[in-house]
C-alpha atoms as a PDB file:
ATOM      1  CA  UNK A   1      -8.856  25.572   9.976  1.00  0.00           C
ATOM      2  CA  UNK A   2      -7.036  24.814  13.244  1.00  0.00           C
ATOM      3  CA  UNK A   3      -9.067  21.640  13.689  1.00  0.00           C
ATOM      4  CA  UNK A   4      -8.213  20.586  10.135  1.00  0.00           C
ATOM      5  CA  UNK A   5      -4.495  21.152  10.792  1.00  0.00           C
ATOM      6  CA  UNK A   6      -4.635  19.102  13.979  1.00  0.00           C
ATOM      7  CA  UNK A   7      -6.440  16.322  12.101  1.00  0.00           C
ATOM      8  CA  UNK A   8      -3.792  16.194   9.373  1.00  0.00           C
ATOM      9  CA  UNK A   9      -0.967  16.326  11.926  1.00  0.00           C
ATOM     10  CA  UNK A  10      -2.499  13.471  13.878  1.00  0.00           C
ATOM     11  CA  UNK A  11      -2.573  11.337  10.729  1.00  0.00           C
ATOM     12  CA  UNK A  12       1.055  12.106   9.959  1.00  0.00           C
ATOM     13  CA  UNK A  13       2.335  11.207  13.415  1.00  0.00           C
ATOM     14  CA  UNK A  14      -0.142   8.548  14.535  1.00  0.00           C
ATOM     15  CA  UNK A  15      -0.730   7.037  11.102  1.00  0.00           C
ATOM     16  CA  UNK A  16       1.920   4.309  11.257  1.00  0.00           C
ATOM     17  CA  UNK A  17       0.455   3.054  14.534  1.00  0.00           C
ATOM     18  CA  UNK A  18      -2.933   2.731  12.872  1.00  0.00           C
ATOM     19  CA  UNK A  19      -1.592   1.175   9.699  1.00  0.00           C
ATOM     20  CA  UNK A  20       0.194  -2.044   8.872  1.00  0.00           C
ATOM     21  CA  UNK A  21       2.127  -3.957  11.466  1.00  0.00           C
ATOM     22  CA  UNK A  22       4.685  -6.536  10.411  1.00  0.00           C
ATOM     23  CA  UNK A  23       4.884  -9.736  12.440  1.00  0.00           C
ATOM     24  CA  UNK A  24       6.517  -9.042  15.800  1.00  0.00           C
ATOM     25  CA  UNK A  25       9.465 -11.104  17.119  1.00  0.00           C
ATOM     26  CA  UNK A  26       7.114 -12.938  19.472  1.00  0.00           C
ATOM     27  CA  UNK A  27       4.697 -13.719  16.645  1.00  0.00           C
ATOM     28  CA  UNK A  28       7.529 -14.968  14.456  1.00  0.00           C
ATOM     29  CA  UNK A  29       8.801 -17.157  17.296  1.00  0.00           C
ATOM     30  CA  UNK A  30       5.381 -18.805  17.439  1.00  0.00           C
ATOM     31  CA  UNK A  31       5.197 -19.504  13.700  1.00  0.00           C
ATOM     32  CA  UNK A  32       5.183 -23.004  12.296  1.00  0.00           C
ATOM     33  CA  UNK A  33       4.174 -24.612   9.035  1.00  0.00           C
ATOM     34  CA  UNK A  34       3.497 -22.290   6.116  1.00  0.00           C
ATOM     35  CA  UNK A  35       3.756 -19.130   8.199  1.00  0.00           C
ATOM     36  CA  UNK A  36       7.284 -20.030   9.248  1.00  0.00           C
ATOM     37  CA  UNK A  37       8.301 -21.167   5.763  1.00  0.00           C
ATOM     38  CA  UNK A  38       6.889 -17.944   4.270  1.00  0.00           C
ATOM     39  CA  UNK A  39       8.740 -15.792   6.781  1.00  0.00           C
ATOM     40  CA  UNK A  40      11.995 -17.619   6.067  1.00  0.00           C
ATOM     41  CA  UNK A  41      11.446 -17.685   2.307  1.00  0.00           C
ATOM     42  CA  UNK A  42      11.841 -21.467   2.249  1.00  0.00           C
ATOM     43  CA  UNK A  43      10.299 -22.334  -1.116  1.00  0.00           C
ATOM     44  CA  UNK A  44      11.047 -26.052  -0.890  1.00  0.00           C
ATOM     45  CA  UNK A  45       9.297 -26.265   2.473  1.00  0.00           C
ATOM     46  CA  UNK A  46       6.346 -24.258   1.161  1.00  0.00           C
ATOM     47  CA  UNK A  47       5.937 -26.655  -1.740  1.00  0.00           C
ATOM     48  CA  UNK A  48       6.274 -29.682   0.535  1.00  0.00           C
ATOM     49  CA  UNK A  49       3.680 -28.329   2.969  1.00  0.00           C
ATOM     50  CA  UNK A  50       1.231 -27.473   0.190  1.00  0.00           C
ATOM     51  CA  UNK A  51       1.615 -30.967  -1.268  1.00  0.00           C
ATOM     52  CA  UNK A  52       0.862 -32.427   2.150  1.00  0.00           C
ATOM     53  CA  UNK A  53      -2.367 -30.436   2.419  1.00  0.00           C
ATOM     54  CA  UNK A  54      -1.340 -27.466   4.582  1.00  0.00           C
ATOM     55  CA  UNK A  55      -3.984 -24.748   4.914  1.00  0.00           C
ATOM     56  CA  UNK A  56      -2.986 -21.920   2.592  1.00  0.00           C
ATOM     57  CA  UNK A  57      -5.367 -19.451   4.219  1.00  0.00           C
ATOM     58  CA  UNK A  58      -4.392 -20.188   7.829  1.00  0.00           C
ATOM     59  CA  UNK A  59      -4.260 -17.022   9.935  1.00  0.00           C
ATOM     60  CA  UNK A  60      -1.926 -15.853  12.660  1.00  0.00           C
ATOM     61  CA  UNK A  61      -3.170 -13.827  15.619  1.00  0.00           C
ATOM     62  CA  UNK A  62      -3.328 -10.673  13.491  1.00  0.00           C
ATOM     63  CA  UNK A  63      -5.176 -12.324  10.633  1.00  0.00           C
ATOM     64  CA  UNK A  64      -2.126 -12.648   8.401  1.00  0.00           C
ATOM     65  CA  UNK A  65      -2.018 -15.502   5.912  1.00  0.00           C
ATOM     66  CA  UNK A  66       1.315 -16.994   4.807  1.00  0.00           C
ATOM     67  CA  UNK A  67       1.092 -14.742   1.735  1.00  0.00           C
ATOM     68  CA  UNK A  68       0.929 -11.639   3.953  1.00  0.00           C
ATOM     69  CA  UNK A  69       3.914 -12.919   5.919  1.00  0.00           C
ATOM     70  CA  UNK A  70       5.897 -13.490   2.711  1.00  0.00           C
ATOM     71  CA  UNK A  71       5.079  -9.925   1.638  1.00  0.00           C
ATOM     72  CA  UNK A  72       6.188  -8.422   4.939  1.00  0.00           C
ATOM     73  CA  UNK A  73       9.435 -10.423   4.668  1.00  0.00           C
ATOM     74  CA  UNK A  74       9.876  -9.396   1.002  1.00  0.00           C
ATOM     75  CA  UNK A  75      10.285 -12.973  -0.211  1.00  0.00           C
ATOM     76  CA  UNK A  76       9.220 -12.904  -3.857  1.00  0.00           C
ATOM     77  CA  UNK A  77       9.850 -16.584  -4.545  1.00  0.00           C
ATOM     78  CA  UNK A  78       7.892 -17.610  -1.457  1.00  0.00           C
ATOM     79  CA  UNK A  79       4.955 -15.492  -2.576  1.00  0.00           C
ATOM     80  CA  UNK A  80       5.126 -16.987  -6.042  1.00  0.00           C
ATOM     81  CA  UNK A  81       5.123 -20.515  -4.602  1.00  0.00           C
ATOM     82  CA  UNK A  82       2.127 -19.749  -2.376  1.00  0.00           C
ATOM     83  CA  UNK A  83       0.182 -18.260  -5.287  1.00  0.00           C
ATOM     84  CA  UNK A  84       1.018 -21.245  -7.481  1.00  0.00           C
ATOM     85  CA  UNK A  85      -0.338 -23.473  -4.740  1.00  0.00           C
ATOM     86  CA  UNK A  86      -3.639 -21.578  -4.758  1.00  0.00           C
ATOM     87  CA  UNK A  87      -3.213 -18.896  -2.070  1.00  0.00           C
ATOM     88  CA  UNK A  88      -5.775 -16.087  -2.202  1.00  0.00           C
ATOM     89  CA  UNK A  89      -3.825 -13.063  -3.395  1.00  0.00           C
ATOM     90  CA  UNK A  90      -6.667 -10.710  -2.515  1.00  0.00           C
ATOM     91  CA  UNK A  91      -7.076 -11.732   1.122  1.00  0.00           C
ATOM     92  CA  UNK A  92      -7.063  -9.077   3.849  1.00  0.00           C
ATOM     93  CA  UNK A  93      -5.418  -9.278   7.248  1.00  0.00           C
ATOM     94  CA  UNK A  94      -7.067  -7.787  10.339  1.00  0.00           C
ATOM     95  CA  UNK A  95      -6.151  -4.206   9.445  1.00  0.00           C
ATOM     96  CA  UNK A  96      -7.638  -4.644   5.953  1.00  0.00           C
ATOM     97  CA  UNK A  97      -4.353  -4.828   4.072  1.00  0.00           C
ATOM     98  CA  UNK A  98      -3.588  -7.108   1.160  1.00  0.00           C
ATOM     99  CA  UNK A  99      -0.217  -8.223  -0.192  1.00  0.00           C
ATOM    100  CA  UNK A 100      -0.154  -5.410  -2.770  1.00  0.00           C
ATOM    101  CA  UNK A 101      -0.686  -2.630  -0.242  1.00  0.00           C
ATOM    102  CA  UNK A 102       1.850  -4.180   2.129  1.00  0.00           C
ATOM    103  CA  UNK A 103       4.407  -4.127  -0.695  1.00  0.00           C
ATOM    104  CA  UNK A 104       3.416  -0.597  -1.700  1.00  0.00           C
ATOM    105  CA  UNK A 105       3.907   0.776   1.810  1.00  0.00           C
ATOM    106  CA  UNK A 106       7.236  -1.069   2.102  1.00  0.00           C
ATOM    107  CA  UNK A 107       8.403   0.600  -1.141  1.00  0.00           C
ATOM    108  CA  UNK A 108       9.012  -2.801  -2.708  1.00  0.00           C
ATOM    109  CA  UNK A 109       8.442  -2.208  -6.448  1.00  0.00           C
ATOM    110  CA  UNK A 110       9.375  -5.714  -7.524  1.00  0.00           C
ATOM    111  CA  UNK A 111       6.876  -7.300  -5.162  1.00  0.00           C
ATOM    112  CA  UNK A 112       4.234  -4.789  -6.244  1.00  0.00           C
ATOM    113  CA  UNK A 113       4.633  -5.918  -9.849  1.00  0.00           C
ATOM    114  CA  UNK A 114       4.758  -9.561  -8.821  1.00  0.00           C
ATOM    115  CA  UNK A 115       1.623  -9.312  -6.683  1.00  0.00           C
ATOM    116  CA  UNK A 116      -0.355  -7.896  -9.604  1.00  0.00           C
ATOM    117  CA  UNK A 117       1.113 -10.538 -11.927  1.00  0.00           C
ATOM    118  CA  UNK A 118      -0.099 -13.200  -9.481  1.00  0.00           C
ATOM    119  CA  UNK A 119      -3.634 -11.814  -9.438  1.00  0.00           C
ATOM    120  CA  UNK A 120      -3.653  -9.216  -6.654  1.00  0.00           C
ATOM    121  CA  UNK A 121      -6.171  -6.623  -7.822  1.00  0.00           C
ATOM    122  CA  UNK A 122      -4.928  -2.996  -7.762  1.00  0.00           C
ATOM    123  CA  UNK A 123      -8.452  -1.638  -7.236  1.00  0.00           C
ATOM    124  CA  UNK A 124      -9.078  -3.302  -3.871  1.00  0.00           C
ATOM    125  CA  UNK A 125     -10.352  -0.945  -1.165  1.00  0.00           C
ATOM    126  CA  UNK A 126      -7.938  -1.351   1.702  1.00  0.00           C
ATOM    127  CA  UNK A 127      -7.176  -0.085   5.230  1.00  0.00           C
ATOM    128  CA  UNK A 128      -9.374   1.567   7.826  1.00  0.00           C
ATOM    129  CA  UNK A 129      -9.314   4.636   5.560  1.00  0.00           C
ATOM    130  CA  UNK A 130     -11.030   2.829   2.651  1.00  0.00           C
ATOM    131  CA  UNK A 131      -8.059   3.652   0.467  1.00  0.00           C
ATOM    132  CA  UNK A 132      -6.047   1.784  -2.144  1.00  0.00           C
ATOM    133  CA  UNK A 133      -2.468   0.658  -2.619  1.00  0.00           C
ATOM    134  CA  UNK A 134      -1.990   3.672  -4.904  1.00  0.00           C
ATOM    135  CA  UNK A 135      -3.147   6.136  -2.253  1.00  0.00           C
ATOM    136  CA  UNK A 136      -0.840   4.543   0.304  1.00  0.00           C
ATOM    137  CA  UNK A 137       2.142   4.744  -2.042  1.00  0.00           C
ATOM    138  CA  UNK A 138       1.372   8.325  -3.084  1.00  0.00           C
ATOM    139  CA  UNK A 139       1.082   9.416   0.547  1.00  0.00           C
ATOM    140  CA  UNK A 140       4.631   8.119   1.154  1.00  0.00           C
ATOM    141  CA  UNK A 141       6.115   9.406  -2.093  1.00  0.00           C
ATOM    142  CA  UNK A 142       7.003   5.932  -3.339  1.00  0.00           C
ATOM    143  CA  UNK A 143       7.061   7.075  -6.949  1.00  0.00           C
ATOM    144  CA  UNK A 144       8.429   3.882  -8.498  1.00  0.00           C
ATOM    145  CA  UNK A 145       5.625   1.937  -6.825  1.00  0.00           C
ATOM    146  CA  UNK A 146       3.116   4.575  -7.946  1.00  0.00           C
ATOM    147  CA  UNK A 147       4.315   4.226 -11.544  1.00  0.00           C
ATOM    148  CA  UNK A 148       3.928   0.446 -11.443  1.00  0.00           C
ATOM    149  CA  UNK A 149       0.474   0.638  -9.892  1.00  0.00           C
ATOM    150  CA  UNK A 150      -0.648   3.159 -12.504  1.00  0.00           C
ATOM    151  CA  UNK A 151       0.676   0.895 -15.264  1.00  0.00           C
ATOM    152  CA  UNK A 152      -1.144  -2.016 -13.633  1.00  0.00           C
ATOM    153  CA  UNK A 153      -4.484  -0.217 -13.799  1.00  0.00           C
ATOM    154  CA  UNK A 154      -4.882   1.130 -10.273  1.00  0.00           C
ATOM    155  CA  UNK A 155      -7.802   3.594 -10.025  1.00  0.00           C
ATOM    156  CA  UNK A 156      -6.368   7.108 -10.214  1.00  0.00           C
ATOM    157  CA  UNK A 157      -9.256   8.976  -8.629  1.00  0.00           C
ATOM    158  CA  UNK A 158     -10.471   6.730  -5.827  1.00  0.00           C
ATOM    159  CA  UNK A 159     -11.604   8.887  -2.890  1.00  0.00           C
ATOM    160  CA  UNK A 160     -10.985   7.437   0.567  1.00  0.00           C
ATOM    161  CA  UNK A 161     -13.035   8.126   3.694  1.00  0.00           C
ATOM    162  CA  UNK A 162     -10.877  11.162   4.464  1.00  0.00           C
ATOM    163  CA  UNK A 163     -12.158  12.518   1.121  1.00  0.00           C
ATOM    164  CA  UNK A 164      -8.665  12.394  -0.373  1.00  0.00           C
ATOM    165  CA  UNK A 165      -7.396  10.939  -3.647  1.00  0.00           C
ATOM    166  CA  UNK A 166      -3.862   9.681  -4.286  1.00  0.00           C
ATOM    167  CA  UNK A 167      -3.014  13.087  -5.773  1.00  0.00           C
ATOM    168  CA  UNK A 168      -4.421  14.893  -2.751  1.00  0.00           C
ATOM    169  CA  UNK A 169      -2.464  12.705  -0.328  1.00  0.00           C
ATOM    170  CA  UNK A 170       0.778  13.243  -2.248  1.00  0.00           C
ATOM    171  CA  UNK A 171       0.342  16.975  -1.615  1.00  0.00           C
ATOM    172  CA  UNK A 172      -1.335  17.137   1.794  1.00  0.00           C
ATOM    173  CA  UNK A 173       0.705  14.385   3.461  1.00  0.00           C
ATOM    174  CA  UNK A 174       3.847  14.786   1.353  1.00  0.00           C
ATOM    175  CA  UNK A 175       6.855  16.954   2.149  1.00  0.00           C
ATOM    176  CA  UNK A 176       7.117  18.709  -1.201  1.00  0.00           C
ATOM    177  CA  UNK A 177      10.456  17.008  -1.867  1.00  0.00           C
ATOM    178  CA  UNK A 178      11.719  15.176  -4.926  1.00  0.00           C
ATOM    179  CA  UNK A 179       9.920  11.900  -4.190  1.00  0.00           C
ATOM    180  CA  UNK A 180       6.532  13.568  -3.856  1.00  0.00           C
ATOM    181  CA  UNK A 181       7.221  15.823  -6.845  1.00  0.00           C
ATOM    182  CA  UNK A 182       7.843  12.708  -8.973  1.00  0.00           C
ATOM    183  CA  UNK A 183       4.733  11.099  -7.521  1.00  0.00           C
ATOM    184  CA  UNK A 184       2.562  14.079  -8.440  1.00  0.00           C
ATOM    185  CA  UNK A 185       4.108  14.189 -11.924  1.00  0.00           C
ATOM    186  CA  UNK A 186       3.326  10.523 -12.554  1.00  0.00           C
ATOM    187  CA  UNK A 187      -0.265  10.877 -11.356  1.00  0.00           C
ATOM    188  CA  UNK A 188      -0.927  14.016 -13.381  1.00  0.00           C
ATOM    189  CA  UNK A 189       0.635  12.594 -16.549  1.00  0.00           C
ATOM    190  CA  UNK A 190      -1.495   9.463 -16.087  1.00  0.00           C
ATOM    191  CA  UNK A 191      -4.639  11.609 -16.039  1.00  0.00           C
ATOM    192  CA  UNK A 192      -5.464  11.987 -12.348  1.00  0.00           C
ATOM    193  CA  UNK A 193      -8.285  14.486 -11.873  1.00  0.00           C
ATOM    194  CA  UNK A 194      -6.728  17.673 -10.469  1.00  0.00           C
ATOM    195  CA  UNK A 195     -10.131  19.214  -9.763  1.00  0.00           C
ATOM    196  CA  UNK A 196     -11.257  16.752  -7.068  1.00  0.00           C
ATOM    197  CA  UNK A 197     -11.329  18.658  -3.794  1.00  0.00           C
ATOM    198  CA  UNK A 198     -11.111  17.631  -0.163  1.00  0.00           C
ATOM    199  CA  UNK A 199     -14.088  17.811   2.214  1.00  0.00           C
ATOM    200  CA  UNK A 200     -13.515  21.573   2.538  1.00  0.00           C
ATOM    201  CA  UNK A 201     -13.587  22.206  -1.209  1.00  0.00           C
ATOM    202  CA  UNK A 202      -9.820  22.785  -1.461  1.00  0.00           C
ATOM    203  CA  UNK A 203      -7.976  21.484  -4.523  1.00  0.00           C
ATOM    204  CA  UNK A 204      -4.532  19.862  -4.569  1.00  0.00           C
ATOM    205  CA  UNK A 205      -3.191  23.002  -6.261  1.00  0.00           C
ATOM    206  CA  UNK A 206      -4.509  25.229  -3.488  1.00  0.00           C
ATOM    207  CA  UNK A 207      -2.957  22.963  -0.859  1.00  0.00           C
ATOM    208  CA  UNK A 208       0.371  23.090  -2.720  1.00  0.00           C
ATOM    209  CA  UNK A 209       0.176  26.879  -2.883  1.00  0.00           C
ATOM    210  CA  UNK A 210      -0.525  27.125   0.850  1.00  0.00           C
ATOM    211  CA  UNK A 211       2.543  24.971   1.536  1.00  0.00           C
ATOM    212  CA  UNK A 212       4.808  26.746  -0.936  1.00  0.00           C
ATOM    213  CA  UNK A 213       5.520  23.605  -2.967  1.00  0.00           C
ATOM    214  CA  UNK A 214       6.628  25.527  -6.063  1.00  0.00           C
ATOM    215  CA  UNK A 215       7.536  22.576  -8.311  1.00  0.00           C
ATOM    216  CA  UNK A 216       4.303  20.764  -7.484  1.00  0.00           C
ATOM    217  CA  UNK A 217       2.375  23.987  -8.136  1.00  0.00           C
ATOM    218  CA  UNK A 218       3.839  24.156 -11.648  1.00  0.00           C
ATOM    219  CA  UNK A 219       2.846  20.550 -12.336  1.00  0.00           C
ATOM    220  CA  UNK A 220      -0.709  21.083 -11.072  1.00  0.00           C
ATOM    221  CA  UNK A 221      -1.152  24.292 -13.071  1.00  0.00           C
END
């Protein structure tokens, strides 16, 4: 039990370091072409560069395409222009993140909806944890994003390599507050399987009971 607690704590505090990293100031300073135009949200320049034959799937030092850069910068119109030009909306950067999961982690509901509209698949297996955009959003309590992903057909019961579903992460890695309560409510109402346990055979309800998350307990009952 102690080892399990340490494992969960390490994910909560070290997780961001293992997860997505937006372009650093030094990386941005080195950008040119489509990467620079995507970062700046310069749609006219994006269209001009595409027309002149610029490589849509060019990568920066961290494996980010211009589409990833547009997502990190939250430039919807730039992303739309890149997709219209033929950018791969399901490409992964070096940490195995796609545009949709980048937007989900950033709590950017509009870009989440746009990414799916442009062809980004909500069932992609992403990150070093073999998760999904839905799991990432549920972990963080981004309930508006969760609702949009559910509506878009994201798999409710995908189990990552930690043996956690989106529902499990909302409880185990959540804080029991209003955002995670809403997240759990959305997942349960959508039909998420409440009986799927973690690697130790513990259900989301049992985890909620251990943590004293009374409102989540009522939802899971």
